[in-house]
Amino acid sequence: MIEEGFVRMYAHDFAALAARAETGAEVELLVQKRIGEARSHAALMDARKGEGHLPAVAERLKTESARDDVRTIRAGEDVPGALARRREFLLRIADLLTAPPASAGLKSMAVRG
């Protein structure tokens, strides 16, 4: 059984990072760190409570991305643009969560000829 608290916590964290990114803050390292933590935590939760925790977070992010939540947007900003950027940010994270994890030691697949 998927724990709702787990899904809610990570969805909230990624939505908060989307809001920080909208202010111009550099959040990419925080996003990568949180994705790693979510993967690790999901593996533990899957072992203890049942499969599907990480896909559930990705699905919740897709649902959140479709919401027109203007509470995280400052007054006077380009609201439609900010909502579109938020949607894109959350969908990108959902895609990263559903993709297989990248190898930590593999930096490039470039082949020199």
PDB file of N, CA and C in Angstrom:
ATOM      1  N   MET A   1       0.842  -1.169   0.000  1.00  0.00           N
ATOM      2  CA  MET A   1       0.000   0.000   0.000  1.00  0.00           C
ATOM      3  C   MET A   1       0.899   1.248   0.000  1.00  0.00           C
ATOM      4  N   ILE A   2       0.634   2.137  -0.894  1.00  0.00           N
ATOM      5  CA  ILE A   2       1.425   3.352  -1.031  1.00  0.00           C
ATOM      6  C   ILE A   2       1.040   4.327   0.083  1.00  0.00           C
ATOM      7  N   GLU A   3       2.044   4.852   0.756  1.00  0.00           N
ATOM      8  CA  GLU A   3       1.824   5.799   1.843  1.00  0.00           C
ATOM      9  C   GLU A   3       1.574   7.200   1.278  1.00  0.00           C
ATOM     10  N   GLU A   4       0.424   7.749   1.584  1.00  0.00           N
ATOM     11  CA  GLU A   4       0.053   9.078   1.098  1.00  0.00           C
ATOM     12  C   GLU A   4       1.008  10.153   1.615  1.00  0.00           C
ATOM     13  N   GLY A   5       1.467  10.004   2.844  1.00  0.00           N
ATOM     14  CA  GLY A   5       2.394  10.978   3.415  1.00  0.00           C
ATOM     15  C   GLY A   5       3.696  11.060   2.630  1.00  0.00           C
ATOM     16  N   PHE A   6       4.174   9.931   2.156  1.00  0.00           N
ATOM     17  CA  PHE A   6       5.385   9.884   1.345  1.00  0.00           C
ATOM     18  C   PHE A   6       5.182  10.668   0.052  1.00  0.00           C
ATOM     19  N   VAL A   7       4.090  10.382  -0.632  1.00  0.00           N
ATOM     20  CA  VAL A   7       3.781  11.040  -1.907  1.00  0.00           C
ATOM     21  C   VAL A   7       3.597  12.536  -1.695  1.00  0.00           C
ATOM     22  N   ARG A   8       2.857  12.901  -0.679  1.00  0.00           N
ATOM     23  CA  ARG A   8       2.591  14.306  -0.395  1.00  0.00           C
ATOM     24  C   ARG A   8       3.875  15.069  -0.069  1.00  0.00           C
ATOM     25  N   MET A   9       4.756  14.459   0.718  1.00  0.00           N
ATOM     26  CA  MET A   9       5.997  15.120   1.113  1.00  0.00           C
ATOM     27  C   MET A   9       6.868  15.457  -0.100  1.00  0.00           C
ATOM     28  N   TYR A  10       7.089  14.468  -0.969  1.00  0.00           N
ATOM     29  CA  TYR A  10       7.950  14.710  -2.130  1.00  0.00           C
ATOM     30  C   TYR A  10       7.287  15.626  -3.152  1.00  0.00           C
ATOM     31  N   ALA A  11       5.982  15.506  -3.336  1.00  0.00           N
ATOM     32  CA  ALA A  11       5.286  16.411  -4.261  1.00  0.00           C
ATOM     33  C   ALA A  11       5.393  17.845  -3.754  1.00  0.00           C
ATOM     34  N   HIS A  12       5.239  18.036  -2.466  1.00  0.00           N
ATOM     35  CA  HIS A  12       5.363  19.371  -1.876  1.00  0.00           C
ATOM     36  C   HIS A  12       6.781  19.912  -2.054  1.00  0.00           C
ATOM     37  N   ASP A  13       7.775  19.081  -1.789  1.00  0.00           N
ATOM     38  CA  ASP A  13       9.170  19.516  -1.910  1.00  0.00           C
ATOM     39  C   ASP A  13       9.504  19.939  -3.332  1.00  0.00           C
ATOM     40  N   PHE A  14       9.069  19.160  -4.309  1.00  0.00           N
ATOM     41  CA  PHE A  14       9.359  19.509  -5.704  1.00  0.00           C
ATOM     42  C   PHE A  14       8.573  20.746  -6.145  1.00  0.00           C
ATOM     43  N   ALA A  15       7.356  20.908  -5.648  1.00  0.00           N
ATOM     44  CA  ALA A  15       6.590  22.123  -5.961  1.00  0.00           C
ATOM     45  C   ALA A  15       7.262  23.346  -5.341  1.00  0.00           C
ATOM     46  N   ALA A  16       7.812  23.192  -4.140  1.00  0.00           N
ATOM     47  CA  ALA A  16       8.529  24.299  -3.502  1.00  0.00           C
ATOM     48  C   ALA A  16       9.787  24.653  -4.295  1.00  0.00           C
ATOM     49  N   LEU A  17      10.471  23.645  -4.823  1.00  0.00           N
ATOM     50  CA  LEU A  17      11.651  23.910  -5.656  1.00  0.00           C
ATOM     51  C   LEU A  17      11.247  24.619  -6.948  1.00  0.00           C
ATOM     52  N   ALA A  18      10.084  24.287  -7.492  1.00  0.00           N
ATOM     53  CA  ALA A  18       9.597  24.984  -8.688  1.00  0.00           C
ATOM     54  C   ALA A  18       9.364  26.456  -8.375  1.00  0.00           C
ATOM     55  N   ALA A  19       8.811  26.739  -7.209  1.00  0.00           N
ATOM     56  CA  ALA A  19       8.577  28.128  -6.811  1.00  0.00           C
ATOM     57  C   ALA A  19       9.900  28.862  -6.616  1.00  0.00           C
ATOM     58  N   ARG A  20      10.883  28.196  -6.030  1.00  0.00           N
ATOM     59  CA  ARG A  20      12.206  28.821  -5.858  1.00  0.00           C
ATOM     60  C   ARG A  20      12.865  29.092  -7.196  1.00  0.00           C
ATOM     61  N   ALA A  21      12.710  28.166  -8.125  1.00  0.00           N
ATOM     62  CA  ALA A  21      13.291  28.350  -9.457  1.00  0.00           C
ATOM     63  C   ALA A  21      12.667  29.560 -10.142  1.00  0.00           C
ATOM     64  N   GLU A  22      11.401  29.784  -9.898  1.00  0.00           N
ATOM     65  CA  GLU A  22      10.700  30.917 -10.510  1.00  0.00           C
ATOM     66  C   GLU A  22      11.240  32.255 -10.010  1.00  0.00           C
ATOM     67  N   THR A  23      11.810  32.264  -8.806  1.00  0.00           N
ATOM     68  CA  THR A  23      12.391  33.503  -8.271  1.00  0.00           C
ATOM     69  C   THR A  23      13.780  33.772  -8.840  1.00  0.00           C
ATOM     70  N   GLY A  24      14.307  32.819  -9.587  1.00  0.00           N
ATOM     71  CA  GLY A  24      15.631  32.995 -10.176  1.00  0.00           C
ATOM     72  C   GLY A  24      16.716  32.256  -9.427  1.00  0.00           C
ATOM     73  N   ALA A  25      16.360  31.583  -8.351  1.00  0.00           N
ATOM     74  CA  ALA A  25      17.346  30.831  -7.576  1.00  0.00           C
ATOM     75  C   ALA A  25      17.808  29.606  -8.370  1.00  0.00           C
ATOM     76  N   GLU A  26      19.067  29.252  -8.211  1.00  0.00           N
ATOM     77  CA  GLU A  26      19.618  28.058  -8.856  1.00  0.00           C
ATOM     78  C   GLU A  26      19.233  26.851  -8.000  1.00  0.00           C
ATOM     79  N   VAL A  27      18.436  25.966  -8.543  1.00  0.00           N
ATOM     80  CA  VAL A  27      17.919  24.833  -7.777  1.00  0.00           C
ATOM     81  C   VAL A  27      18.317  23.476  -8.350  1.00  0.00           C
ATOM     82  N   GLU A  28      19.066  23.450  -9.425  1.00  0.00           N
ATOM     83  CA  GLU A  28      19.350  22.177 -10.092  1.00  0.00           C
ATOM     84  C   GLU A  28      20.047  21.169  -9.173  1.00  0.00           C
ATOM     85  N   LEU A  29      21.019  21.620  -8.389  1.00  0.00           N
ATOM     86  CA  LEU A  29      21.697  20.697  -7.473  1.00  0.00           C
ATOM     87  C   LEU A  29      20.737  20.186  -6.407  1.00  0.00           C
ATOM     88  N   LEU A  30      19.860  21.051  -5.935  1.00  0.00           N
ATOM     89  CA  LEU A  30      18.860  20.630  -4.953  1.00  0.00           C
ATOM     90  C   LEU A  30      17.881  19.627  -5.553  1.00  0.00           C
ATOM     91  N   VAL A  31      17.513  19.847  -6.803  1.00  0.00           N
ATOM     92  CA  VAL A  31      16.606  18.922  -7.493  1.00  0.00           C
ATOM     93  C   VAL A  31      17.259  17.547  -7.608  1.00  0.00           C
ATOM     94  N   GLN A  32      18.510  17.516  -8.053  1.00  0.00           N
ATOM     95  CA  GLN A  32      19.206  16.237  -8.210  1.00  0.00           C
ATOM     96  C   GLN A  32      19.364  15.522  -6.871  1.00  0.00           C
ATOM     97  N   LYS A  33      19.682  16.294  -5.832  1.00  0.00           N
ATOM     98  CA  LYS A  33      19.823  15.705  -4.496  1.00  0.00           C
ATOM     99  C   LYS A  33      18.492  15.120  -4.026  1.00  0.00           C
ATOM    100  N   ARG A  34      17.416  15.875  -4.211  1.00  0.00           N
ATOM    101  CA  ARG A  34      16.103  15.422  -3.743  1.00  0.00           C
ATOM    102  C   ARG A  34      15.610  14.217  -4.543  1.00  0.00           C
ATOM    103  N   ILE A  35      15.932  14.175  -5.825  1.00  0.00           N
ATOM    104  CA  ILE A  35      15.570  13.004  -6.631  1.00  0.00           C
ATOM    105  C   ILE A  35      16.297  11.768  -6.099  1.00  0.00           C
ATOM    106  N   GLY A  36      17.581  11.917  -5.793  1.00  0.00           N
ATOM    107  CA  GLY A  36      18.336  10.798  -5.220  1.00  0.00           C
ATOM    108  C   GLY A  36      17.750  10.335  -3.900  1.00  0.00           C
ATOM    109  N   GLU A  37      17.374  11.288  -3.064  1.00  0.00           N
ATOM    110  CA  GLU A  37      16.754  10.947  -1.782  1.00  0.00           C
ATOM    111  C   GLU A  37      15.412  10.260  -1.989  1.00  0.00           C
ATOM    112  N   ALA A  38      14.636  10.737  -2.946  1.00  0.00           N
ATOM    113  CA  ALA A  38      13.330  10.133  -3.224  1.00  0.00           C
ATOM    114  C   ALA A  38      13.497   8.701  -3.716  1.00  0.00           C
ATOM    115  N   ARG A  39      14.472   8.471  -4.577  1.00  0.00           N
ATOM    116  CA  ARG A  39      14.711   7.107  -5.077  1.00  0.00           C
ATOM    117  C   ARG A  39      15.091   6.160  -3.939  1.00  0.00           C
ATOM    118  N   SER A  40      15.999   6.616  -3.102  1.00  0.00           N
ATOM    119  CA  SER A  40      16.465   5.797  -1.980  1.00  0.00           C
ATOM    120  C   SER A  40      15.332   5.520  -1.001  1.00  0.00           C
ATOM    121  N   HIS A  41      14.590   6.553  -0.665  1.00  0.00           N
ATOM    122  CA  HIS A  41      13.478   6.425   0.265  1.00  0.00           C
ATOM    123  C   HIS A  41      12.376   5.533  -0.324  1.00  0.00           C
ATOM    124  N   ALA A  42      12.125   5.679  -1.624  1.00  0.00           N
ATOM    125  CA  ALA A  42      11.101   4.861  -2.280  1.00  0.00           C
ATOM    126  C   ALA A  42      11.474   3.382  -2.245  1.00  0.00           C
ATOM    127  N   ALA A  43      12.752   3.086  -2.426  1.00  0.00           N
ATOM    128  CA  ALA A  43      13.183   1.684  -2.371  1.00  0.00           C
ATOM    129  C   ALA A  43      12.905   1.095  -0.993  1.00  0.00           C
ATOM    130  N   LEU A  44      13.162   1.872   0.037  1.00  0.00           N
ATOM    131  CA  LEU A  44      12.889   1.428   1.397  1.00  0.00           C
ATOM    132  C   LEU A  44      11.389   1.253   1.620  1.00  0.00           C
ATOM    133  N   MET A  45      10.608   2.225   1.189  1.00  0.00           N
ATOM    134  CA  MET A  45       9.160   2.154   1.360  1.00  0.00           C
ATOM    135  C   MET A  45       8.556   0.999   0.554  1.00  0.00           C
ATOM    136  N   ASP A  46       9.073   0.776  -0.653  1.00  0.00           N
ATOM    137  CA  ASP A  46       8.577  -0.331  -1.468  1.00  0.00           C
ATOM    138  C   ASP A  46       8.831  -1.669  -0.775  1.00  0.00           C
ATOM    139  N   ALA A  47      10.003  -1.796  -0.154  1.00  0.00           N
ATOM    140  CA  ALA A  47      10.343  -3.037   0.532  1.00  0.00           C
ATOM    141  C   ALA A  47       9.453  -3.256   1.756  1.00  0.00           C
ATOM    142  N   ARG A  48       9.080  -2.183   2.427  1.00  0.00           N
ATOM    143  CA  ARG A  48       8.312  -2.302   3.671  1.00  0.00           C
ATOM    144  C   ARG A  48       6.805  -2.253   3.475  1.00  0.00           C
ATOM    145  N   LYS A  49       6.345  -1.442   2.519  1.00  0.00           N
ATOM    146  CA  LYS A  49       4.909  -1.182   2.402  1.00  0.00           C
ATOM    147  C   LYS A  49       4.291  -1.658   1.094  1.00  0.00           C
ATOM    148  N   GLY A  50       5.108  -2.025   0.124  1.00  0.00           N
ATOM    149  CA  GLY A  50       4.581  -2.437  -1.171  1.00  0.00           C
ATOM    150  C   GLY A  50       5.111  -1.554  -2.277  1.00  0.00           C
ATOM    151  N   GLU A  51       5.089  -2.074  -3.474  1.00  0.00           N
ATOM    152  CA  GLU A  51       5.656  -1.401  -4.650  1.00  0.00           C
ATOM    153  C   GLU A  51       4.862  -0.173  -5.069  1.00  0.00           C
ATOM    154  N   GLY A  52       5.563   0.749  -5.764  1.00  0.00           N
ATOM    155  CA  GLY A  52       4.889   1.829  -6.449  1.00  0.00           C
ATOM    156  C   GLY A  52       5.033   3.221  -5.873  1.00  0.00           C
ATOM    157  N   HIS A  53       5.891   3.415  -4.901  1.00  0.00           N
ATOM    158  CA  HIS A  53       5.991   4.736  -4.277  1.00  0.00           C
ATOM    159  C   HIS A  53       6.541   5.807  -5.216  1.00  0.00           C
ATOM    160  N   LEU A  54       7.620   5.514  -5.925  1.00  0.00           N
ATOM    161  CA  LEU A  54       8.203   6.521  -6.822  1.00  0.00           C
ATOM    162  C   LEU A  54       7.279   6.844  -8.000  1.00  0.00           C
ATOM    163  N   PRO A  55       6.686   5.841  -8.652  1.00  0.00           N
ATOM    164  CA  PRO A  55       5.713   6.174  -9.706  1.00  0.00           C
ATOM    165  C   PRO A  55       4.525   6.980  -9.175  1.00  0.00           C
ATOM    166  N   ALA A  56       4.150   6.768  -7.926  1.00  0.00           N
ATOM    167  CA  ALA A  56       3.046   7.529  -7.345  1.00  0.00           C
ATOM    168  C   ALA A  56       3.431   9.000  -7.187  1.00  0.00           C
ATOM    169  N   VAL A  57       4.689   9.261  -6.807  1.00  0.00           N
ATOM    170  CA  VAL A  57       5.152  10.653  -6.702  1.00  0.00           C
ATOM    171  C   VAL A  57       5.141  11.296  -8.091  1.00  0.00           C
ATOM    172  N   ALA A  58       5.642  10.567  -9.096  1.00  0.00           N
ATOM    173  CA  ALA A  58       5.664  11.096 -10.465  1.00  0.00           C
ATOM    174  C   ALA A  58       4.244  11.409 -10.946  1.00  0.00           C
ATOM    175  N   GLU A  59       3.316  10.537 -10.648  1.00  0.00           N
ATOM    176  CA  GLU A  59       1.918  10.760 -11.055  1.00  0.00           C
ATOM    177  C   GLU A  59       1.332  11.975 -10.341  1.00  0.00           C
ATOM    178  N   ARG A  60       1.650  12.134  -9.058  1.00  0.00           N
ATOM    179  CA  ARG A  60       1.156  13.292  -8.317  1.00  0.00           C
ATOM    180  C   ARG A  60       1.739  14.590  -8.878  1.00  0.00           C
ATOM    181  N   LEU A  61       3.013  14.555  -9.296  1.00  0.00           N
ATOM    182  CA  LEU A  61       3.623  15.748  -9.885  1.00  0.00           C
ATOM    183  C   LEU A  61       2.936  16.111 -11.202  1.00  0.00           C
ATOM    184  N   LYS A  62       2.547  15.113 -11.962  1.00  0.00           N
ATOM    185  CA  LYS A  62       1.824  15.378 -13.207  1.00  0.00           C
ATOM    186  C   LYS A  62       0.470  16.021 -12.905  1.00  0.00           C
ATOM    187  N   THR A  63      -0.188  15.537 -11.875  1.00  0.00           N
ATOM    188  CA  THR A  63      -1.468  16.117 -11.460  1.00  0.00           C
ATOM    189  C   THR A  63      -1.266  17.547 -10.969  1.00  0.00           C
ATOM    190  N   GLU A  64      -0.241  17.746 -10.146  1.00  0.00           N
ATOM    191  CA  GLU A  64       0.056  19.092  -9.626  1.00  0.00           C
ATOM    192  C   GLU A  64       0.400  20.066 -10.744  1.00  0.00           C
ATOM    193  N   SER A  65       1.095  19.575 -11.763  1.00  0.00           N
ATOM    194  CA  SER A  65       1.514  20.462 -12.854  1.00  0.00           C
ATOM    195  C   SER A  65       0.317  21.021 -13.617  1.00  0.00           C
ATOM    196  N   ALA A  66      -0.776  20.299 -13.620  1.00  0.00           N
ATOM    197  CA  ALA A  66      -1.971  20.738 -14.344  1.00  0.00           C
ATOM    198  C   ALA A  66      -2.789  21.758 -13.548  1.00  0.00           C
ATOM    199  N   ARG A  67      -2.503  21.871 -12.253  1.00  0.00           N
ATOM    200  CA  ARG A  67      -3.249  22.823 -11.417  1.00  0.00           C
ATOM    201  C   ARG A  67      -2.765  24.243 -11.671  1.00  0.00           C
ATOM    202  N   ASP A  68      -3.682  25.168 -11.688  1.00  0.00           N
ATOM    203  CA  ASP A  68      -3.341  26.580 -11.832  1.00  0.00           C
ATOM    204  C   ASP A  68      -3.225  27.189 -10.439  1.00  0.00           C
ATOM    205  N   ASP A  69      -2.121  26.892  -9.776  1.00  0.00           N
ATOM    206  CA  ASP A  69      -1.893  27.328  -8.404  1.00  0.00           C
ATOM    207  C   ASP A  69      -1.142  28.660  -8.417  1.00  0.00           C
ATOM    208  N   VAL A  70      -1.875  29.747  -8.258  1.00  0.00           N
ATOM    209  CA  VAL A  70      -1.266  31.073  -8.331  1.00  0.00           C
ATOM    210  C   VAL A  70      -0.724  31.543  -6.985  1.00  0.00           C
ATOM    211  N   ARG A  71      -0.876  30.745  -5.943  1.00  0.00           N
ATOM    212  CA  ARG A  71      -0.364  31.138  -4.628  1.00  0.00           C
ATOM    213  C   ARG A  71       1.153  31.259  -4.624  1.00  0.00           C
ATOM    214  N   THR A  72       1.827  30.503  -5.481  1.00  0.00           N
ATOM    215  CA  THR A  72       3.289  30.515  -5.506  1.00  0.00           C
ATOM    216  C   THR A  72       3.851  31.569  -6.444  1.00  0.00           C
ATOM    217  N   ILE A  73       2.977  32.355  -7.069  1.00  0.00           N
ATOM    218  CA  ILE A  73       3.418  33.356  -8.043  1.00  0.00           C
ATOM    219  C   ILE A  73       3.260  34.743  -7.431  1.00  0.00           C
ATOM    220  N   ARG A  74       4.316  35.526  -7.533  1.00  0.00           N
ATOM    221  CA  ARG A  74       4.275  36.879  -6.969  1.00  0.00           C
ATOM    222  C   ARG A  74       3.339  37.768  -7.786  1.00  0.00           C
ATOM    223  N   ALA A  75       2.725  38.709  -7.101  1.00  0.00           N
ATOM    224  CA  ALA A  75       1.816  39.652  -7.758  1.00  0.00           C
ATOM    225  C   ALA A  75       2.572  40.468  -8.795  1.00  0.00           C
ATOM    226  N   GLY A  76       1.937  40.708  -9.928  1.00  0.00           N
ATOM    227  CA  GLY A  76       2.548  41.508 -10.976  1.00  0.00           C
ATOM    228  C   GLY A  76       3.378  40.715 -11.961  1.00  0.00           C
ATOM    229  N   GLU A  77       3.591  39.441 -11.700  1.00  0.00           N
ATOM    230  CA  GLU A  77       4.361  38.615 -12.624  1.00  0.00           C
ATOM    231  C   GLU A  77       3.494  38.178 -13.797  1.00  0.00           C
ATOM    232  N   ASP A  78       4.145  37.645 -14.790  1.00  0.00           N
ATOM    233  CA  ASP A  78       3.477  37.050 -15.939  1.00  0.00           C
ATOM    234  C   ASP A  78       2.865  35.731 -15.476  1.00  0.00           C
ATOM    235  N   VAL A  79       1.626  35.769 -15.035  1.00  0.00           N
ATOM    236  CA  VAL A  79       0.998  34.587 -14.442  1.00  0.00           C
ATOM    237  C   VAL A  79       0.926  33.418 -15.418  1.00  0.00           C
ATOM    238  N   PRO A  80       0.444  33.609 -16.649  1.00  0.00           N
ATOM    239  CA  PRO A  80       0.413  32.458 -17.568  1.00  0.00           C
ATOM    240  C   PRO A  80       1.813  31.895 -17.841  1.00  0.00           C
ATOM    241  N   GLY A  81       2.797  32.760 -17.972  1.00  0.00           N
ATOM    242  CA  GLY A  81       4.170  32.300 -18.204  1.00  0.00           C
ATOM    243  C   GLY A  81       4.727  31.560 -17.009  1.00  0.00           C
ATOM    244  N   ALA A  82       4.456  32.079 -15.809  1.00  0.00           N
ATOM    245  CA  ALA A  82       4.933  31.435 -14.588  1.00  0.00           C
ATOM    246  C   ALA A  82       4.284  30.059 -14.409  1.00  0.00           C
ATOM    247  N   LEU A  83       2.986  29.970 -14.706  1.00  0.00           N
ATOM    248  CA  LEU A  83       2.305  28.679 -14.612  1.00  0.00           C
ATOM    249  C   LEU A  83       2.859  27.682 -15.628  1.00  0.00           C
ATOM    250  N   ALA A  84       3.167  28.156 -16.821  1.00  0.00           N
ATOM    251  CA  ALA A  84       3.740  27.276 -17.849  1.00  0.00           C
ATOM    252  C   ALA A  84       5.122  26.787 -17.429  1.00  0.00           C
ATOM    253  N   ARG A  85       5.943  27.685 -16.854  1.00  0.00           N
ATOM    254  CA  ARG A  85       7.274  27.277 -16.385  1.00  0.00           C
ATOM    255  C   ARG A  85       7.167  26.292 -15.233  1.00  0.00           C
ATOM    256  N   ARG A  86       6.207  26.497 -14.335  1.00  0.00           N
ATOM    257  CA  ARG A  86       5.993  25.573 -13.215  1.00  0.00           C
ATOM    258  C   ARG A  86       5.586  24.202 -13.748  1.00  0.00           C
ATOM    259  N   ARG A  87       4.660  24.201 -14.703  1.00  0.00           N
ATOM    260  CA  ARG A  87       4.196  22.948 -15.303  1.00  0.00           C
ATOM    261  C   ARG A  87       5.364  22.199 -15.935  1.00  0.00           C
ATOM    262  N   GLU A  88       6.182  22.905 -16.698  1.00  0.00           N
ATOM    263  CA  GLU A  88       7.330  22.284 -17.361  1.00  0.00           C
ATOM    264  C   GLU A  88       8.322  21.734 -16.333  1.00  0.00           C
ATOM    265  N   PHE A  89       8.577  22.479 -15.275  1.00  0.00           N
ATOM    266  CA  PHE A  89       9.508  22.066 -14.218  1.00  0.00           C
ATOM    267  C   PHE A  89       9.018  20.771 -13.564  1.00  0.00           C
ATOM    268  N   LEU A  90       7.753  20.733 -13.167  1.00  0.00           N
ATOM    269  CA  LEU A  90       7.215  19.556 -12.483  1.00  0.00           C
ATOM    270  C   LEU A  90       7.143  18.343 -13.406  1.00  0.00           C
ATOM    271  N   LEU A  91       6.806  18.560 -14.676  1.00  0.00           N
ATOM    272  CA  LEU A  91       6.763  17.439 -15.617  1.00  0.00           C
ATOM    273  C   LEU A  91       8.156  16.881 -15.884  1.00  0.00           C
ATOM    274  N   ARG A  92       9.160  17.767 -15.914  1.00  0.00           N
ATOM    275  CA  ARG A  92      10.544  17.305 -16.097  1.00  0.00           C
ATOM    276  C   ARG A  92      10.974  16.433 -14.922  1.00  0.00           C
ATOM    277  N   ILE A  93      10.608  16.830 -13.714  1.00  0.00           N
ATOM    278  CA  ILE A  93      10.951  16.024 -12.541  1.00  0.00           C
ATOM    279  C   ILE A  93      10.204  14.697 -12.567  1.00  0.00           C
ATOM    280  N   ALA A  94       8.946  14.706 -12.962  1.00  0.00           N
ATOM    281  CA  ALA A  94       8.181  13.461 -13.065  1.00  0.00           C
ATOM    282  C   ALA A  94       8.855  12.515 -14.061  1.00  0.00           C
ATOM    283  N   ASP A  95       9.331  13.058 -15.181  1.00  0.00           N
ATOM    284  CA  ASP A  95      10.036  12.228 -16.163  1.00  0.00           C
ATOM    285  C   ASP A  95      11.334  11.673 -15.587  1.00  0.00           C
ATOM    286  N   LEU A  96      12.065  12.495 -14.834  1.00  0.00           N
ATOM    287  CA  LEU A  96      13.310  12.035 -14.221  1.00  0.00           C
ATOM    288  C   LEU A  96      13.054  10.936 -13.201  1.00  0.00           C
ATOM    289  N   LEU A  97      11.955  11.045 -12.467  1.00  0.00           N
ATOM    290  CA  LEU A  97      11.632  10.028 -11.468  1.00  0.00           C
ATOM    291  C   LEU A  97      11.248   8.696 -12.099  1.00  0.00           C
ATOM    292  N   THR A  98      10.641   8.735 -13.265  1.00  0.00           N
ATOM    293  CA  THR A  98      10.221   7.490 -13.914  1.00  0.00           C
ATOM    294  C   THR A  98      11.315   6.886 -14.779  1.00  0.00           C
ATOM    295  N   ALA A  99      12.349   7.674 -15.089  1.00  0.00           N
ATOM    296  CA  ALA A  99      13.468   7.158 -15.888  1.00  0.00           C
ATOM    297  C   ALA A  99      14.393   6.331 -14.998  1.00  0.00           C
ATOM    298  N   PRO A 100      15.096   5.376 -15.606  1.00  0.00           N
ATOM    299  CA  PRO A 100      16.064   4.619 -14.798  1.00  0.00           C
ATOM    300  C   PRO A 100      17.156   5.557 -14.284  1.00  0.00           C
ATOM    301  N   PRO A 101      17.651   5.316 -13.064  1.00  0.00           N
ATOM    302  CA  PRO A 101      18.685   6.194 -12.519  1.00  0.00           C
ATOM    303  C   PRO A 101      19.965   6.119 -13.349  1.00  0.00           C
ATOM    304  N   ALA A 102      20.591   7.282 -13.519  1.00  0.00           N
ATOM    305  CA  ALA A 102      21.856   7.335 -14.257  1.00  0.00           C
ATOM    306  C   ALA A 102      22.970   6.822 -13.360  1.00  0.00           C
ATOM    307  N   SER A 103      23.945   6.213 -13.953  1.00  0.00           N
ATOM    308  CA  SER A 103      25.098   5.726 -13.209  1.00  0.00           C
ATOM    309  C   SER A 103      25.897   6.908 -12.691  1.00  0.00           C
ATOM    310  N   ALA A 104      26.284   6.856 -11.423  1.00  0.00           N
ATOM    311  CA  ALA A 104      27.019   7.968 -10.817  1.00  0.00           C
ATOM    312  C   ALA A 104      28.396   8.137 -11.435  1.00  0.00           C
ATOM    313  N   GLY A 105      29.005   7.052 -11.891  1.00  0.00           N
ATOM    314  CA  GLY A 105      30.348   7.141 -12.444  1.00  0.00           C
ATOM    315  C   GLY A 105      30.371   7.461 -13.927  1.00  0.00           C
ATOM    316  N   LEU A 106      29.257   7.341 -14.603  1.00  0.00           N
ATOM    317  CA  LEU A 106      29.189   7.558 -16.039  1.00  0.00           C
ATOM    318  C   LEU A 106      28.836   9.009 -16.323  1.00  0.00           C
ATOM    319  N   LYS A 107      29.778   9.779 -16.806  1.00  0.00           N
ATOM    320  CA  LYS A 107      29.556  11.202 -17.051  1.00  0.00           C
ATOM    321  C   LYS A 107      29.215  11.488 -18.503  1.00  0.00           C
ATOM    322  N   SER A 108      29.754  10.700 -19.444  1.00  0.00           N
ATOM    323  CA  SER A 108      29.532  10.989 -20.845  1.00  0.00           C
ATOM    324  C   SER A 108      29.566   9.706 -21.648  1.00  0.00           C
ATOM    325  N   MET A 109      28.783   9.694 -22.705  1.00  0.00           N
ATOM    326  CA  MET A 109      28.771   8.563 -23.619  1.00  0.00           C
ATOM    327  C   MET A 109      29.427   8.943 -24.941  1.00  0.00           C
ATOM    328  N   ALA A 110      30.135  10.061 -24.959  1.00  0.00           N
ATOM    329  CA  ALA A 110      30.739  10.544 -26.192  1.00  0.00           C
ATOM    330  C   ALA A 110      31.812   9.577 -26.696  1.00  0.00           C
ATOM    331  N   VAL A 111      31.834   9.403 -28.001  1.00  0.00           N
ATOM    332  CA  VAL A 111      32.836   8.549 -28.639  1.00  0.00           C
ATOM    333  C   VAL A 111      33.648   9.420 -29.581  1.00  0.00           C
ATOM    334  N   ARG A 112      34.936   9.372 -29.393  1.00  0.00           N
ATOM    335  CA  ARG A 112      35.810  10.175 -30.257  1.00  0.00           C
ATOM    336  C   ARG A 112      36.322   9.307 -31.390  1.00  0.00           C
ATOM    337  N   GLY A 113      36.274   9.841 -32.602  1.00  0.00           N
ATOM    338  CA  GLY A 113      36.661   9.048 -33.753  1.00  0.00           C
ATOM    339  C   GLY A 113      37.865   9.453 -34.431  1.00  0.00           C
TER     340      GLY A 113
END
